[in-house]
PDB file of N, CA and C in Angstrom:
ATOM      1  N   MET A   1       0.837  -1.166   0.000  1.00  0.00           N
ATOM      2  CA  MET A   1       0.000   0.000   0.000  1.00  0.00           C
ATOM      3  C   MET A   1       0.890   1.241   0.000  1.00  0.00           C
ATOM      4  N   LYS A   2       0.595   2.173  -0.855  1.00  0.00           N
ATOM      5  CA  LYS A   2       1.408   3.370  -0.993  1.00  0.00           C
ATOM      6  C   LYS A   2       1.194   4.297   0.204  1.00  0.00           C
ATOM      7  N   GLU A   3       2.308   4.794   0.747  1.00  0.00           N
ATOM      8  CA  GLU A   3       2.232   5.678   1.905  1.00  0.00           C
ATOM      9  C   GLU A   3       2.044   7.125   1.448  1.00  0.00           C
ATOM     10  N   ASN A   4       1.299   7.867   2.231  1.00  0.00           N
ATOM     11  CA  ASN A   4       1.072   9.277   1.950  1.00  0.00           C
ATOM     12  C   ASN A   4       2.410  10.017   1.946  1.00  0.00           C
ATOM     13  N   LYS A   5       2.650  10.861   0.945  1.00  0.00           N
ATOM     14  CA  LYS A   5       3.929  11.548   0.810  1.00  0.00           C
ATOM     15  C   LYS A   5       4.205  12.474   1.993  1.00  0.00           C
ATOM     16  N   ARG A   6       3.182  13.147   2.498  1.00  0.00           N
ATOM     17  CA  ARG A   6       3.379  14.051   3.627  1.00  0.00           C
ATOM     18  C   ARG A   6       3.843  13.287   4.865  1.00  0.00           C
ATOM     19  N   ILE A   7       3.266  12.116   5.089  1.00  0.00           N
ATOM     20  CA  ILE A   7       3.650  11.304   6.243  1.00  0.00           C
ATOM     21  C   ILE A   7       5.070  10.784   6.077  1.00  0.00           C
ATOM     22  N   SER A   8       5.407  10.317   4.881  1.00  0.00           N
ATOM     23  CA  SER A   8       6.753   9.790   4.673  1.00  0.00           C
ATOM     24  C   SER A   8       7.804  10.895   4.786  1.00  0.00           C
ATOM     25  N   MET A   9       7.503  12.099   4.331  1.00  0.00           N
ATOM     26  CA  MET A   9       8.448  13.204   4.465  1.00  0.00           C
ATOM     27  C   MET A   9       8.616  13.596   5.936  1.00  0.00           C
ATOM     28  N   ARG A  10       7.548  13.523   6.716  1.00  0.00           N
ATOM     29  CA  ARG A  10       7.663  13.810   8.146  1.00  0.00           C
ATOM     30  C   ARG A  10       8.545  12.780   8.828  1.00  0.00           C
ATOM     31  N   ARG A  11       8.414  11.525   8.435  1.00  0.00           N
ATOM     32  CA  ARG A  11       9.252  10.476   9.033  1.00  0.00           C
ATOM     33  C   ARG A  11      10.723  10.685   8.695  1.00  0.00           C
ATOM     34  N   ILE A  12      11.010  11.162   7.494  1.00  0.00           N
ATOM     35  CA  ILE A  12      12.389  11.464   7.115  1.00  0.00           C
ATOM     36  C   ILE A  12      12.922  12.614   7.970  1.00  0.00           C
ATOM     37  N   ARG A  13      12.123  13.678   8.137  1.00  0.00           N
ATOM     38  CA  ARG A  13      12.539  14.801   8.980  1.00  0.00           C
ATOM     39  C   ARG A  13      12.727  14.352  10.426  1.00  0.00           C
ATOM     40  N   GLN A  14      11.826  13.478  10.888  1.00  0.00           N
ATOM     41  CA  GLN A  14      11.900  12.985  12.258  1.00  0.00           C
ATOM     42  C   GLN A  14      13.201  12.217  12.483  1.00  0.00           C
ATOM     43  N   ALA A  15      13.576  11.373  11.531  1.00  0.00           N
ATOM     44  CA  ALA A  15      14.818  10.610  11.653  1.00  0.00           C
ATOM     45  C   ALA A  15      16.027  11.543  11.656  1.00  0.00           C
ATOM     46  N   ARG A  16      15.981  12.582  10.850  1.00  0.00           N
ATOM     47  CA  ARG A  16      17.079  13.549  10.786  1.00  0.00           C
ATOM     48  C   ARG A  16      17.237  14.277  12.126  1.00  0.00           C
ATOM     49  N   VAL A  17      16.111  14.651  12.731  1.00  0.00           N
ATOM     50  CA  VAL A  17      16.159  15.330  14.024  1.00  0.00           C
ATOM     51  C   VAL A  17      16.653  14.374  15.100  1.00  0.00           C
ATOM     52  N   ARG A  18      16.176  13.146  15.091  1.00  0.00           N
ATOM     53  CA  ARG A  18      16.528  12.167  16.130  1.00  0.00           C
ATOM     54  C   ARG A  18      17.994  11.761  16.084  1.00  0.00           C
ATOM     55  N   LYS A  19      18.652  11.926  14.921  1.00  0.00           N
ATOM     56  CA  LYS A  19      20.086  11.647  14.855  1.00  0.00           C
ATOM     57  C   LYS A  19      20.855  12.589  15.766  1.00  0.00           C
ATOM     58  N   ARG A  20      20.374  13.818  15.885  1.00  0.00           N
ATOM     59  CA  ARG A  20      21.085  14.845  16.641  1.00  0.00           C
ATOM     60  C   ARG A  20      20.554  15.034  18.059  1.00  0.00           C
ATOM     61  N   VAL A  21      19.295  14.694  18.302  1.00  0.00           N
ATOM     62  CA  VAL A  21      18.655  14.976  19.589  1.00  0.00           C
ATOM     63  C   VAL A  21      18.526  13.690  20.387  1.00  0.00           C
ATOM     64  N   SER A  22      19.094  13.713  21.589  1.00  0.00           N
ATOM     65  CA  SER A  22      18.984  12.558  22.465  1.00  0.00           C
ATOM     66  C   SER A  22      18.852  13.058  23.898  1.00  0.00           C
ATOM     67  N   GLY A  23      17.988  12.432  24.664  1.00  0.00           N
ATOM     68  CA  GLY A  23      17.761  12.854  26.035  1.00  0.00           C
ATOM     69  C   GLY A  23      18.613  12.072  27.012  1.00  0.00           C
ATOM     70  N   THR A  24      19.087  12.737  28.057  1.00  0.00           N
ATOM     71  CA  THR A  24      19.863  12.096  29.108  1.00  0.00           C
ATOM     72  C   THR A  24      19.113  12.263  30.425  1.00  0.00           C
ATOM     73  N   GLU A  25      19.714  11.778  31.506  1.00  0.00           N
ATOM     74  CA  GLU A  25      19.082  11.946  32.810  1.00  0.00           C
ATOM     75  C   GLU A  25      19.087  13.408  33.227  1.00  0.00           C
ATOM     76  N   ILE A  26      20.157  14.118  32.878  1.00  0.00           N
ATOM     77  CA  ILE A  26      20.267  15.524  33.244  1.00  0.00           C
ATOM     78  C   ILE A  26      19.379  16.385  32.354  1.00  0.00           C
ATOM     79  N   ARG A  27      19.343  16.062  31.060  1.00  0.00           N
ATOM     80  CA  ARG A  27      18.580  16.848  30.085  1.00  0.00           C
ATOM     81  C   ARG A  27      17.740  15.906  29.232  1.00  0.00           C
ATOM     82  N   PRO A  28      16.572  15.488  29.712  1.00  0.00           N
ATOM     83  CA  PRO A  28      15.737  14.563  28.937  1.00  0.00           C
ATOM     84  C   PRO A  28      15.126  15.229  27.706  1.00  0.00           C
ATOM     85  N   ARG A  29      14.543  14.410  26.860  1.00  0.00           N
ATOM     86  CA  ARG A  29      13.981  14.877  25.589  1.00  0.00           C
ATOM     87  C   ARG A  29      12.486  15.134  25.742  1.00  0.00           C
ATOM     88  N   LEU A  30      12.047  16.330  25.333  1.00  0.00           N
ATOM     89  CA  LEU A  30      10.625  16.669  25.290  1.00  0.00           C
ATOM     90  C   LEU A  30      10.141  16.371  23.880  1.00  0.00           C
ATOM     91  N   ALA A  31       9.480  15.231  23.714  1.00  0.00           N
ATOM     92  CA  ALA A  31       9.008  14.793  22.399  1.00  0.00           C
ATOM     93  C   ALA A  31       7.538  15.144  22.251  1.00  0.00           C
ATOM     94  N   ILE A  32       7.172  15.618  21.064  1.00  0.00           N
ATOM     95  CA  ILE A  32       5.780  15.976  20.821  1.00  0.00           C
ATOM     96  C   ILE A  32       5.252  15.211  19.618  1.00  0.00           C
ATOM     97  N   HIS A  33       3.945  15.037  19.606  1.00  0.00           N
ATOM     98  CA  HIS A  33       3.250  14.487  18.442  1.00  0.00           C
ATOM     99  C   HIS A  33       1.988  15.311  18.247  1.00  0.00           C
ATOM    100  N   ARG A  34       1.729  15.635  16.997  1.00  0.00           N
ATOM    101  CA  ARG A  34       0.575  16.468  16.666  1.00  0.00           C
ATOM    102  C   ARG A  34      -0.312  15.679  15.709  1.00  0.00           C
ATOM    103  N   SER A  35      -1.559  15.467  16.105  1.00  0.00           N
ATOM    104  CA  SER A  35      -2.530  14.862  15.197  1.00  0.00           C
ATOM    105  C   SER A  35      -3.492  15.959  14.756  1.00  0.00           C
ATOM    106  N   THR A  36      -4.478  15.608  13.968  1.00  0.00           N
ATOM    107  CA  THR A  36      -5.397  16.634  13.483  1.00  0.00           C
ATOM    108  C   THR A  36      -6.226  17.244  14.607  1.00  0.00           C
ATOM    109  N   ASN A  37      -6.538  16.469  15.630  1.00  0.00           N
ATOM    110  CA  ASN A  37      -7.393  16.965  16.709  1.00  0.00           C
ATOM    111  C   ASN A  37      -6.684  17.192  18.035  1.00  0.00           C
ATOM    112  N   HIS A  38      -5.571  16.521  18.277  1.00  0.00           N
ATOM    113  CA  HIS A  38      -4.943  16.557  19.594  1.00  0.00           C
ATOM    114  C   HIS A  38      -3.447  16.787  19.473  1.00  0.00           C
ATOM    115  N   ILE A  39      -2.829  17.126  20.610  1.00  0.00           N
ATOM    116  CA  ILE A  39      -1.378  17.265  20.682  1.00  0.00           C
ATOM    117  C   ILE A  39      -0.908  16.531  21.933  1.00  0.00           C
ATOM    118  N   TYR A  40       0.203  15.839  21.813  1.00  0.00           N
ATOM    119  CA  TYR A  40       0.737  14.996  22.874  1.00  0.00           C
ATOM    120  C   TYR A  40       2.169  15.423  23.166  1.00  0.00           C
ATOM    121  N   ALA A  41       2.571  15.403  24.428  1.00  0.00           N
ATOM    122  CA  ALA A  41       3.941  15.732  24.817  1.00  0.00           C
ATOM    123  C   ALA A  41       4.381  14.749  25.889  1.00  0.00           C
ATOM    124  N   GLN A  42       5.633  14.301  25.781  1.00  0.00           N
ATOM    125  CA  GLN A  42       6.183  13.449  26.824  1.00  0.00           C
ATOM    126  C   GLN A  42       7.664  13.741  26.993  1.00  0.00           C
ATOM    127  N   VAL A  43       8.132  13.602  28.211  1.00  0.00           N
ATOM    128  CA  VAL A  43       9.535  13.827  28.537  1.00  0.00           C
ATOM    129  C   VAL A  43      10.171  12.460  28.713  1.00  0.00           C
ATOM    130  N   ILE A  44      11.225  12.197  27.912  1.00  0.00           N
ATOM    131  CA  ILE A  44      11.795  10.859  27.808  1.00  0.00           C
ATOM    132  C   ILE A  44      13.271  10.879  28.175  1.00  0.00           C
ATOM    133  N   ASN A  45      13.686   9.913  28.991  1.00  0.00           N
ATOM    134  CA  ASN A  45      15.099   9.667  29.259  1.00  0.00           C
ATOM    135  C   ASN A  45      15.536   8.570  28.294  1.00  0.00           C
ATOM    136  N   ASP A  46      16.346   8.913  27.291  1.00  0.00           N
ATOM    137  CA  ASP A  46      16.745   7.942  26.274  1.00  0.00           C
ATOM    138  C   ASP A  46      17.800   6.964  26.766  1.00  0.00           C
ATOM    139  N   VAL A  47      18.483   7.274  27.861  1.00  0.00           N
ATOM    140  CA  VAL A  47      19.485   6.362  28.400  1.00  0.00           C
ATOM    141  C   VAL A  47      18.802   5.129  28.984  1.00  0.00           C
ATOM    142  N   THR A  48      17.746   5.347  29.769  1.00  0.00           N
ATOM    143  CA  THR A  48      17.027   4.230  30.386  1.00  0.00           C
ATOM    144  C   THR A  48      15.780   3.832  29.608  1.00  0.00           C
ATOM    145  N   HIS A  49      15.501   4.534  28.505  1.00  0.00           N
ATOM    146  CA  HIS A  49      14.324   4.262  27.663  1.00  0.00           C
ATOM    147  C   HIS A  49      13.032   4.319  28.480  1.00  0.00           C
ATOM    148  N   SER A  50      12.908   5.370  29.285  1.00  0.00           N
ATOM    149  CA  SER A  50      11.717   5.493  30.121  1.00  0.00           C
ATOM    150  C   SER A  50      11.100   6.881  29.972  1.00  0.00           C
ATOM    151  N   THR A  51       9.786   6.922  30.116  1.00  0.00           N
ATOM    152  CA  THR A  51       9.058   8.181  30.074  1.00  0.00           C
ATOM    153  C   THR A  51       8.979   8.747  31.486  1.00  0.00           C
ATOM    154  N   ILE A  52       9.421   9.983  31.643  1.00  0.00           N
ATOM    155  CA  ILE A  52       9.416  10.631  32.950  1.00  0.00           C
ATOM    156  C   ILE A  52       8.023  11.170  33.261  1.00  0.00           C
ATOM    157  N   CYS A  53       7.433  11.887  32.305  1.00  0.00           N
ATOM    158  CA  CYS A  53       6.066  12.375  32.467  1.00  0.00           C
ATOM    159  C   CYS A  53       5.475  12.637  31.091  1.00  0.00           C
ATOM    160  N   ALA A  54       4.158  12.662  31.022  1.00  0.00           N
ATOM    161  CA  ALA A  54       3.471  12.857  29.746  1.00  0.00           C
ATOM    162  C   ALA A  54       2.187  13.638  29.971  1.00  0.00           C
ATOM    163  N   CYS A  55       1.758  14.323  28.918  1.00  0.00           N
ATOM    164  CA  CYS A  55       0.533  15.110  28.978  1.00  0.00           C
ATOM    165  C   CYS A  55       0.004  15.279  27.561  1.00  0.00           C
ATOM    166  N   SER A  56      -1.294  15.387  27.434  1.00  0.00           N
ATOM    167  CA  SER A  56      -1.900  15.637  26.128  1.00  0.00           C
ATOM    168  C   SER A  56      -3.235  16.341  26.324  1.00  0.00           C
ATOM    169  N   THR A  57      -3.870  16.670  25.218  1.00  0.00           N
ATOM    170  CA  THR A  57      -5.187  17.291  25.307  1.00  0.00           C
ATOM    171  C   THR A  57      -6.228  16.290  25.797  1.00  0.00           C
ATOM    172  N   LEU A  58      -5.880  15.018  25.814  1.00  0.00           N
ATOM    173  CA  LEU A  58      -6.789  13.979  26.294  1.00  0.00           C
ATOM    174  C   LEU A  58      -6.559  13.614  27.757  1.00  0.00           C
ATOM    175  N   SER A  59      -5.557  14.206  28.399  1.00  0.00           N
ATOM    176  CA  SER A  59      -5.260  13.908  29.799  1.00  0.00           C
ATOM    177  C   SER A  59      -6.445  14.292  30.681  1.00  0.00           C
ATOM    178  N   PRO A  60      -6.814  13.425  31.615  1.00  0.00           N
ATOM    179  CA  PRO A  60      -7.975  13.711  32.462  1.00  0.00           C
ATOM    180  C   PRO A  60      -7.852  15.014  33.251  1.00  0.00           C
ATOM    181  N   ALA A  61      -6.631  15.401  33.599  1.00  0.00           N
ATOM    182  CA  ALA A  61      -6.439  16.604  34.410  1.00  0.00           C
ATOM    183  C   ALA A  61      -6.840  17.880  33.677  1.00  0.00           C
ATOM    184  N   ILE A  62      -6.700  17.906  32.355  1.00  0.00           N
ATOM    185  CA  ILE A  62      -6.989  19.138  31.611  1.00  0.00           C
ATOM    186  C   ILE A  62      -8.008  18.952  30.496  1.00  0.00           C
ATOM    187  N   ARG A  63      -8.581  17.777  30.404  1.00  0.00           N
ATOM    188  CA  ARG A  63      -9.493  17.485  29.293  1.00  0.00           C
ATOM    189  C   ARG A  63     -10.704  18.416  29.253  1.00  0.00           C
ATOM    190  N   GLU A  64     -11.277  18.693  30.409  1.00  0.00           N
ATOM    191  CA  GLU A  64     -12.473  19.538  30.461  1.00  0.00           C
ATOM    192  C   GLU A  64     -12.167  20.985  30.076  1.00  0.00           C
ATOM    193  N   GLU A  65     -10.949  21.447  30.376  1.00  0.00           N
ATOM    194  CA  GLU A  65     -10.562  22.818  30.021  1.00  0.00           C
ATOM    195  C   GLU A  65     -10.443  23.008  28.513  1.00  0.00           C
ATOM    196  N   MET A  66     -10.228  21.932  27.775  1.00  0.00           N
ATOM    197  CA  MET A  66      -9.934  22.008  26.349  1.00  0.00           C
ATOM    198  C   MET A  66     -11.164  22.227  25.474  1.00  0.00           C
ATOM    199  N   LYS A  67     -12.323  22.036  26.037  1.00  0.00           N
ATOM    200  CA  LYS A  67     -13.534  22.136  25.218  1.00  0.00           C
ATOM    201  C   LYS A  67     -13.814  23.583  24.830  1.00  0.00           C
ATOM    202  N   GLY A  68     -13.962  23.810  23.535  1.00  0.00           N
ATOM    203  CA  GLY A  68     -14.379  25.110  23.037  1.00  0.00           C
ATOM    204  C   GLY A  68     -13.290  26.153  22.886  1.00  0.00           C
ATOM    205  N   ILE A  69     -12.016  25.766  23.046  1.00  0.00           N
ATOM    206  CA  ILE A  69     -10.953  26.752  22.832  1.00  0.00           C
ATOM    207  C   ILE A  69     -10.133  26.348  21.608  1.00  0.00           C
ATOM    208  N   PRO A  70      -9.497  27.313  20.946  1.00  0.00           N
ATOM    209  CA  PRO A  70      -8.725  27.008  19.732  1.00  0.00           C
ATOM    210  C   PRO A  70      -7.543  26.075  20.007  1.00  0.00           C
ATOM    211  N   LYS A  71      -7.104  25.376  18.969  1.00  0.00           N
ATOM    212  CA  LYS A  71      -6.056  24.368  19.108  1.00  0.00           C
ATOM    213  C   LYS A  71      -4.724  24.956  19.561  1.00  0.00           C
ATOM    214  N   LYS A  72      -4.401  26.176  19.132  1.00  0.00           N
ATOM    215  CA  LYS A  72      -3.141  26.793  19.563  1.00  0.00           C
ATOM    216  C   LYS A  72      -3.146  27.046  21.063  1.00  0.00           C
ATOM    217  N   GLU A  73      -4.269  27.486  21.589  1.00  0.00           N
ATOM    218  CA  GLU A  73      -4.372  27.706  23.031  1.00  0.00           C
ATOM    219  C   GLU A  73      -4.334  26.378  23.782  1.00  0.00           C
ATOM    220  N   GLN A  74      -4.932  25.337  23.202  1.00  0.00           N
ATOM    221  CA  GLN A  74      -4.857  24.010  23.805  1.00  0.00           C
ATOM    222  C   GLN A  74      -3.404  23.566  23.905  1.00  0.00           C
ATOM    223  N   ALA A  75      -2.642  23.772  22.832  1.00  0.00           N
ATOM    224  CA  ALA A  75      -1.236  23.375  22.816  1.00  0.00           C
ATOM    225  C   ALA A  75      -0.447  24.138  23.874  1.00  0.00           C
ATOM    226  N   GLU A  76      -0.736  25.412  24.032  1.00  0.00           N
ATOM    227  CA  GLU A  76      -0.032  26.210  25.034  1.00  0.00           C
ATOM    228  C   GLU A  76      -0.339  25.710  26.444  1.00  0.00           C
ATOM    229  N   LYS A  77      -1.594  25.335  26.698  1.00  0.00           N
ATOM    230  CA  LYS A  77      -1.963  24.801  28.016  1.00  0.00           C
ATOM    231  C   LYS A  77      -1.289  23.455  28.274  1.00  0.00           C
ATOM    232  N   VAL A  78      -1.168  22.630  27.227  1.00  0.00           N
ATOM    233  CA  VAL A  78      -0.460  21.351  27.374  1.00  0.00           C
ATOM    234  C   VAL A  78       1.008  21.621  27.703  1.00  0.00           C
ATOM    235  N   GLY A  79       1.604  22.622  27.061  1.00  0.00           N
ATOM    236  CA  GLY A  79       2.988  22.992  27.356  1.00  0.00           C
ATOM    237  C   GLY A  79       3.171  23.428  28.799  1.00  0.00           C
ATOM    238  N   LYS A  80       2.244  24.226  29.306  1.00  0.00           N
ATOM    239  CA  LYS A  80       2.328  24.665  30.703  1.00  0.00           C
ATOM    240  C   LYS A  80       2.155  23.491  31.659  1.00  0.00           C
ATOM    241  N   LYS A  81       1.253  22.572  31.315  1.00  0.00           N
ATOM    242  CA  LYS A  81       1.010  21.406  32.174  1.00  0.00           C
ATOM    243  C   LYS A  81       2.220  20.473  32.196  1.00  0.00           C
ATOM    244  N   ILE A  82       2.859  20.274  31.026  1.00  0.00           N
ATOM    245  CA  ILE A  82       4.036  19.392  30.991  1.00  0.00           C
ATOM    246  C   ILE A  82       5.175  20.024  31.788  1.00  0.00           C
ATOM    247  N   ALA A  83       5.282  21.354  31.763  1.00  0.00           N
ATOM    248  CA  ALA A  83       6.303  22.039  32.563  1.00  0.00           C
ATOM    249  C   ALA A  83       6.030  21.854  34.053  1.00  0.00           C
ATOM    250  N   GLU A  84       4.753  21.910  34.424  1.00  0.00           N
ATOM    251  CA  GLU A  84       4.365  21.708  35.823  1.00  0.00           C
ATOM    252  C   GLU A  84       4.705  20.284  36.276  1.00  0.00           C
ATOM    253  N   LEU A  85       4.416  19.298  35.417  1.00  0.00           N
ATOM    254  CA  LEU A  85       4.731  17.908  35.748  1.00  0.00           C
ATOM    255  C   LEU A  85       6.239  17.692  35.853  1.00  0.00           C
ATOM    256  N   CYS A  86       7.001  18.373  34.999  1.00  0.00           N
ATOM    257  CA  CYS A  86       8.463  18.257  35.048  1.00  0.00           C
ATOM    258  C   CYS A  86       9.018  18.845  36.338  1.00  0.00           C
ATOM    259  N   LYS A  87       8.438  19.938  36.793  1.00  0.00           N
ATOM    260  CA  LYS A  87       8.897  20.542  38.048  1.00  0.00           C
ATOM    261  C   LYS A  87       8.686  19.591  39.217  1.00  0.00           C
ATOM    262  N   GLU A  88       7.576  18.848  39.190  1.00  0.00           N
ATOM    263  CA  GLU A  88       7.313  17.868  40.247  1.00  0.00           C
ATOM    264  C   GLU A  88       8.368  16.765  40.254  1.00  0.00           C
ATOM    265  N   LYS A  89       8.905  16.438  39.072  1.00  0.00           N
ATOM    266  CA  LYS A  89       9.926  15.390  38.946  1.00  0.00           C
ATOM    267  C   LYS A  89      11.347  15.963  38.985  1.00  0.00           C
ATOM    268  N   ASN A  90      11.485  17.246  39.324  1.00  0.00           N
ATOM    269  CA  ASN A  90      12.774  17.940  39.404  1.00  0.00           C
ATOM    270  C   ASN A  90      13.530  17.964  38.083  1.00  0.00           C
ATOM    271  N   VAL A  91      12.813  18.185  36.998  1.00  0.00           N
ATOM    272  CA  VAL A  91      13.420  18.345  35.675  1.00  0.00           C
ATOM    273  C   VAL A  91      13.226  19.796  35.269  1.00  0.00           C
ATOM    274  N   GLN A  92      14.347  20.492  35.007  1.00  0.00           N
ATOM    275  CA  GLN A  92      14.254  21.895  34.615  1.00  0.00           C
ATOM    276  C   GLN A  92      14.771  22.138  33.209  1.00  0.00           C
ATOM    277  N   HIS A  93      15.709  21.309  32.742  1.00  0.00           N
ATOM    278  CA  HIS A  93      16.306  21.474  31.418  1.00  0.00           C
ATOM    279  C   HIS A  93      15.913  20.292  30.543  1.00  0.00           C
ATOM    280  N   VAL A  94      15.452  20.567  29.336  1.00  0.00           N
ATOM    281  CA  VAL A  94      15.084  19.515  28.388  1.00  0.00           C
ATOM    282  C   VAL A  94      15.655  19.844  27.013  1.00  0.00           C
ATOM    283  N   VAL A  95      15.633  18.838  26.142  1.00  0.00           N
ATOM    284  CA  VAL A  95      15.970  19.004  24.737  1.00  0.00           C
ATOM    285  C   VAL A  95      14.658  18.883  23.977  1.00  0.00           C
ATOM    286  N   PHE A  96      14.340  19.845  23.123  1.00  0.00           N
ATOM    287  CA  PHE A  96      13.058  19.855  22.415  1.00  0.00           C
ATOM    288  C   PHE A  96      13.157  19.020  21.145  1.00  0.00           C
ATOM    289  N   ASP A  97      12.288  18.026  21.029  1.00  0.00           N
ATOM    290  CA  ASP A  97      12.206  17.172  19.845  1.00  0.00           C
ATOM    291  C   ASP A  97      10.863  17.442  19.183  1.00  0.00           C
ATOM    292  N   ARG A  98      10.888  18.139  18.066  1.00  0.00           N
ATOM    293  CA  ARG A  98       9.647  18.522  17.396  1.00  0.00           C
ATOM    294  C   ARG A  98       9.034  17.373  16.606  1.00  0.00           C
ATOM    295  N   GLY A  99       9.695  16.237  16.547  1.00  0.00           N
ATOM    296  CA  GLY A  99       9.119  15.039  15.953  1.00  0.00           C
ATOM    297  C   GLY A  99       8.882  15.111  14.457  1.00  0.00           C
ATOM    298  N   GLY A 100       9.663  15.911  13.750  1.00  0.00           N
ATOM    299  CA  GLY A 100       9.489  16.021  12.306  1.00  0.00           C
ATOM    300  C   GLY A 100       8.450  17.036  11.889  1.00  0.00           C
ATOM    301  N   PHE A 101       7.768  17.639  12.850  1.00  0.00           N
ATOM    302  CA  PHE A 101       6.783  18.671  12.541  1.00  0.00           C
ATOM    303  C   PHE A 101       7.497  20.014  12.455  1.00  0.00           C
ATOM    304  N   LEU A 102       6.994  20.903  11.618  1.00  0.00           N
ATOM    305  CA  LEU A 102       7.590  22.223  11.494  1.00  0.00           C
ATOM    306  C   LEU A 102       7.370  23.011  12.780  1.00  0.00           C
ATOM    307  N   TYR A 103       8.363  23.814  13.153  1.00  0.00           N
ATOM    308  CA  TYR A 103       8.266  24.628  14.360  1.00  0.00           C
ATOM    309  C   TYR A 103       7.404  25.839  14.042  1.00  0.00           C
ATOM    310  N   HIS A 104       6.105  25.617  14.052  1.00  0.00           N
ATOM    311  CA  HIS A 104       5.148  26.634  13.625  1.00  0.00           C
ATOM    312  C   HIS A 104       3.790  26.250  14.179  1.00  0.00           C
ATOM    313  N   GLY A 105       2.957  27.214  14.465  1.00  0.00           N
ATOM    314  CA  GLY A 105       1.590  26.919  14.889  1.00  0.00           C
ATOM    315  C   GLY A 105       1.513  26.261  16.245  1.00  0.00           C
ATOM    316  N   ARG A 106       0.899  25.087  16.287  1.00  0.00           N
ATOM    317  CA  ARG A 106       0.669  24.402  17.559  1.00  0.00           C
ATOM    318  C   ARG A 106       1.959  23.920  18.206  1.00  0.00           C
ATOM    319  N   VAL A 107       2.937  23.539  17.383  1.00  0.00           N
ATOM    320  CA  VAL A 107       4.225  23.088  17.925  1.00  0.00           C
ATOM    321  C   VAL A 107       4.916  24.254  18.636  1.00  0.00           C
ATOM    322  N   ALA A 108       4.939  25.417  18.002  1.00  0.00           N
ATOM    323  CA  ALA A 108       5.545  26.600  18.611  1.00  0.00           C
ATOM    324  C   ALA A 108       4.764  27.046  19.849  1.00  0.00           C
ATOM    325  N   SER A 109       3.443  26.914  19.826  1.00  0.00           N
ATOM    326  CA  SER A 109       2.624  27.283  20.986  1.00  0.00           C
ATOM    327  C   SER A 109       2.911  26.380  22.177  1.00  0.00           C
ATOM    328  N   LEU A 110       3.082  25.084  21.926  1.00  0.00           N
ATOM    329  CA  LEU A 110       3.415  24.163  23.003  1.00  0.00           C
ATOM    330  C   LEU A 110       4.771  24.532  23.596  1.00  0.00           C
ATOM    331  N   ALA A 111       5.745  24.831  22.748  1.00  0.00           N
ATOM    332  CA  ALA A 111       7.073  25.218  23.227  1.00  0.00           C
ATOM    333  C   ALA A 111       7.000  26.509  24.044  1.00  0.00           C
ATOM    334  N   LYS A 112       6.203  27.456  23.580  1.00  0.00           N
ATOM    335  CA  LYS A 112       6.042  28.729  24.289  1.00  0.00           C
ATOM    336  C   LYS A 112       5.441  28.491  25.676  1.00  0.00           C
ATOM    337  N   GLY A 113       4.409  27.649  25.742  1.00  0.00           N
ATOM    338  CA  GLY A 113       3.786  27.334  27.024  1.00  0.00           C
ATOM    339  C   GLY A 113       4.738  26.629  27.974  1.00  0.00           C
ATOM    340  N   ALA A 114       5.567  25.729  27.439  1.00  0.00           N
ATOM    341  CA  ALA A 114       6.531  25.016  28.277  1.00  0.00           C
ATOM    342  C   ALA A 114       7.583  25.981  28.823  1.00  0.00           C
ATOM    343  N   ARG A 115       8.011  26.919  27.991  1.00  0.00           N
ATOM    344  CA  ARG A 115       8.986  27.916  28.457  1.00  0.00           C
ATOM    345  C   ARG A 115       8.371  28.817  29.526  1.00  0.00           C
ATOM    346  N   GLU A 116       7.122  29.229  29.305  1.00  0.00           N
ATOM    347  CA  GLU A 116       6.439  30.059  30.304  1.00  0.00           C
ATOM    348  C   GLU A 116       6.241  29.301  31.613  1.00  0.00           C
ATOM    349  N   GLY A 117       6.077  27.980  31.510  1.00  0.00           N
ATOM    350  CA  GLY A 117       5.910  27.158  32.700  1.00  0.00           C
ATOM    351  C   GLY A 117       7.203  26.916  33.457  1.00  0.00           C
ATOM    352  N   GLY A 118       8.349  27.287  32.857  1.00  0.00           N
ATOM    353  CA  GLY A 118       9.611  27.174  33.575  1.00  0.00           C
ATOM    354  C   GLY A 118      10.611  26.195  33.003  1.00  0.00           C
ATOM    355  N   LEU A 119      10.297  25.525  31.898  1.00  0.00           N
ATOM    356  CA  LEU A 119      11.270  24.616  31.293  1.00  0.00           C
ATOM    357  C   LEU A 119      12.298  25.411  30.500  1.00  0.00           C
ATOM    358  N   ASP A 120      13.525  24.924  30.492  1.00  0.00           N
ATOM    359  CA  ASP A 120      14.610  25.593  29.783  1.00  0.00           C
ATOM    360  C   ASP A 120      15.061  24.726  28.617  1.00  0.00           C
ATOM    361  N   PHE A 121      14.938  25.259  27.395  1.00  0.00           N
ATOM    362  CA  PHE A 121      15.476  24.605  26.197  1.00  0.00           C
ATOM    363  C   PHE A 121      15.708  25.612  25.114  1.00  0.00           C
TER     364      PHE A 121
END
């Protein structure tokens, strides 16, 4: 089955980014995924292959807040929430992994929210 060109190009960009970006215990990786309706963020330690914390527009803690607001604002709130979760786990510095998505729109809004929440990258 033929793969969609946009998806295959994103996977190529994602592989290119992942060659250079790797998370450690001191500076874990903030990986994001953007679908048509939702945005997901997780902080990953690549040394131990474990997820430190995760948040999305579907998370029970913020799901009710997401109804009726634009997607960019949703992404910014997810960024602030992931920063809050990182503070609880004593993580202040991360490496941003945009996951092959362009740094524009919802991806940039999530990054802005995470920075406002106190994450450094």
